[in-house]
Amino acid sequence: MAKFMYLYNGPATDMADMTEEQSRGVLKKWELWMGKVGNALLDAGAPTAKGRKDSPMDIRF
């Protein structure tokens, strides 16, 4: 089966800058999404370096 990578590019608020309630809400939304994806999600991943943007021309395989 083919494997795909999901890249999320959007506003990133450092969890340290959120209230406890806000951070729980953000995590809950990701948990719900990952639950819908189910076993098809092989790796939940992690944030990339803060403030870095790559274009397709920057990616080397």
C-alpha atoms as a PDB file:
ATOM      1  CA  MET A   1       0.000   0.000   0.000  1.00  0.00           C
ATOM      2  CA  ALA A   2       1.251   3.495  -0.789  1.00  0.00           C
ATOM      3  CA  LYS A   3       2.330   5.727   2.070  1.00  0.00           C
ATOM      4  CA  PHE A   4       1.700   9.458   2.202  1.00  0.00           C
ATOM      5  CA  MET A   5       2.985  12.283   4.371  1.00  0.00           C
ATOM      6  CA  TYR A   6       0.592  14.882   5.735  1.00  0.00           C
ATOM      7  CA  LEU A   7       2.153  18.313   6.124  1.00  0.00           C
ATOM      8  CA  TYR A   8       0.318  20.928   8.132  1.00  0.00           C
ATOM      9  CA  ASN A   9       1.240  24.542   7.520  1.00  0.00           C
ATOM     10  CA  GLY A  10      -0.581  27.028   9.626  1.00  0.00           C
ATOM     11  CA  PRO A  11      -0.250  29.394  12.508  1.00  0.00           C
ATOM     12  CA  ALA A  12       1.821  27.808  15.214  1.00  0.00           C
ATOM     13  CA  THR A  13       1.283  28.993  18.748  1.00  0.00           C
ATOM     14  CA  ASP A  14       3.841  27.673  21.178  1.00  0.00           C
ATOM     15  CA  MET A  15       2.093  25.466  23.724  1.00  0.00           C
ATOM     16  CA  ALA A  16       3.919  27.438  26.440  1.00  0.00           C
ATOM     17  CA  ASP A  17       1.989  30.537  25.312  1.00  0.00           C
ATOM     18  CA  MET A  18      -1.397  28.833  25.750  1.00  0.00           C
ATOM     19  CA  THR A  19      -3.511  28.421  28.824  1.00  0.00           C
ATOM     20  CA  GLU A  20      -3.969  24.890  30.132  1.00  0.00           C
ATOM     21  CA  GLU A  21      -7.508  24.879  28.725  1.00  0.00           C
ATOM     22  CA  GLN A  22      -6.340  26.038  25.272  1.00  0.00           C
ATOM     23  CA  SER A  23      -3.596  23.424  25.062  1.00  0.00           C
ATOM     24  CA  ARG A  24      -6.021  20.658  26.093  1.00  0.00           C
ATOM     25  CA  GLY A  25      -8.412  21.843  23.359  1.00  0.00           C
ATOM     26  CA  VAL A  26      -5.723  21.773  20.673  1.00  0.00           C
ATOM     27  CA  LEU A  27      -4.532  18.325  21.700  1.00  0.00           C
ATOM     28  CA  LYS A  28      -8.111  17.025  21.809  1.00  0.00           C
ATOM     29  CA  LYS A  29      -8.696  18.147  18.199  1.00  0.00           C
ATOM     30  CA  TRP A  30      -5.544  16.343  17.022  1.00  0.00           C
ATOM     31  CA  GLU A  31      -6.523  13.224  18.987  1.00  0.00           C
ATOM     32  CA  LEU A  32      -9.978  13.205  17.368  1.00  0.00           C
ATOM     33  CA  TRP A  33      -8.462  13.585  13.884  1.00  0.00           C
ATOM     34  CA  MET A  34      -5.892  10.846  14.515  1.00  0.00           C
ATOM     35  CA  GLY A  35      -8.656   8.601  15.822  1.00  0.00           C
ATOM     36  CA  LYS A  36     -10.607   9.044  12.578  1.00  0.00           C
ATOM     37  CA  VAL A  37      -7.520   8.128  10.561  1.00  0.00           C
ATOM     38  CA  GLY A  38      -7.142   5.015  12.718  1.00  0.00           C
ATOM     39  CA  ASN A  39      -4.599   2.328  11.872  1.00  0.00           C
ATOM     40  CA  ALA A  40      -3.731   4.109   8.629  1.00  0.00           C
ATOM     41  CA  LEU A  41      -1.720   6.590  10.695  1.00  0.00           C
ATOM     42  CA  LEU A  42       1.728   5.043  11.000  1.00  0.00           C
ATOM     43  CA  ASP A  43       3.506   7.886  12.807  1.00  0.00           C
ATOM     44  CA  ALA A  44       1.931  10.910  14.506  1.00  0.00           C
ATOM     45  CA  GLY A  45       5.095  12.914  13.843  1.00  0.00           C
ATOM     46  CA  ALA A  46       6.239  16.096  15.541  1.00  0.00           C
ATOM     47  CA  PRO A  47       6.548  19.805  14.796  1.00  0.00           C
ATOM     48  CA  THR A  48       9.383  20.878  12.538  1.00  0.00           C
ATOM     49  CA  ALA A  49      11.897  23.582  13.334  1.00  0.00           C
ATOM     50  CA  LYS A  50      10.220  26.795  14.430  1.00  0.00           C
ATOM     51  CA  GLY A  51       9.986  29.422  11.719  1.00  0.00           C
ATOM     52  CA  ARG A  52      11.345  27.351   8.871  1.00  0.00           C
ATOM     53  CA  LYS A  53       9.682  27.153   5.490  1.00  0.00           C
ATOM     54  CA  ASP A  54      10.836  24.953   2.642  1.00  0.00           C
ATOM     55  CA  SER A  55       9.769  25.014  -0.943  1.00  0.00           C
ATOM     56  CA  PRO A  56       9.694  21.900  -3.142  1.00  0.00           C
ATOM     57  CA  MET A  57      12.984  23.105  -4.620  1.00  0.00           C
ATOM     58  CA  ASP A  58      14.626  22.894  -1.160  1.00  0.00           C
ATOM     59  CA  ILE A  59      13.728  19.244  -0.593  1.00  0.00           C
ATOM     60  CA  ARG A  60      16.409  16.708  -1.419  1.00  0.00           C
ATOM     61  CA  PHE A  61      15.795  12.965  -1.423  1.00  0.00           C
END
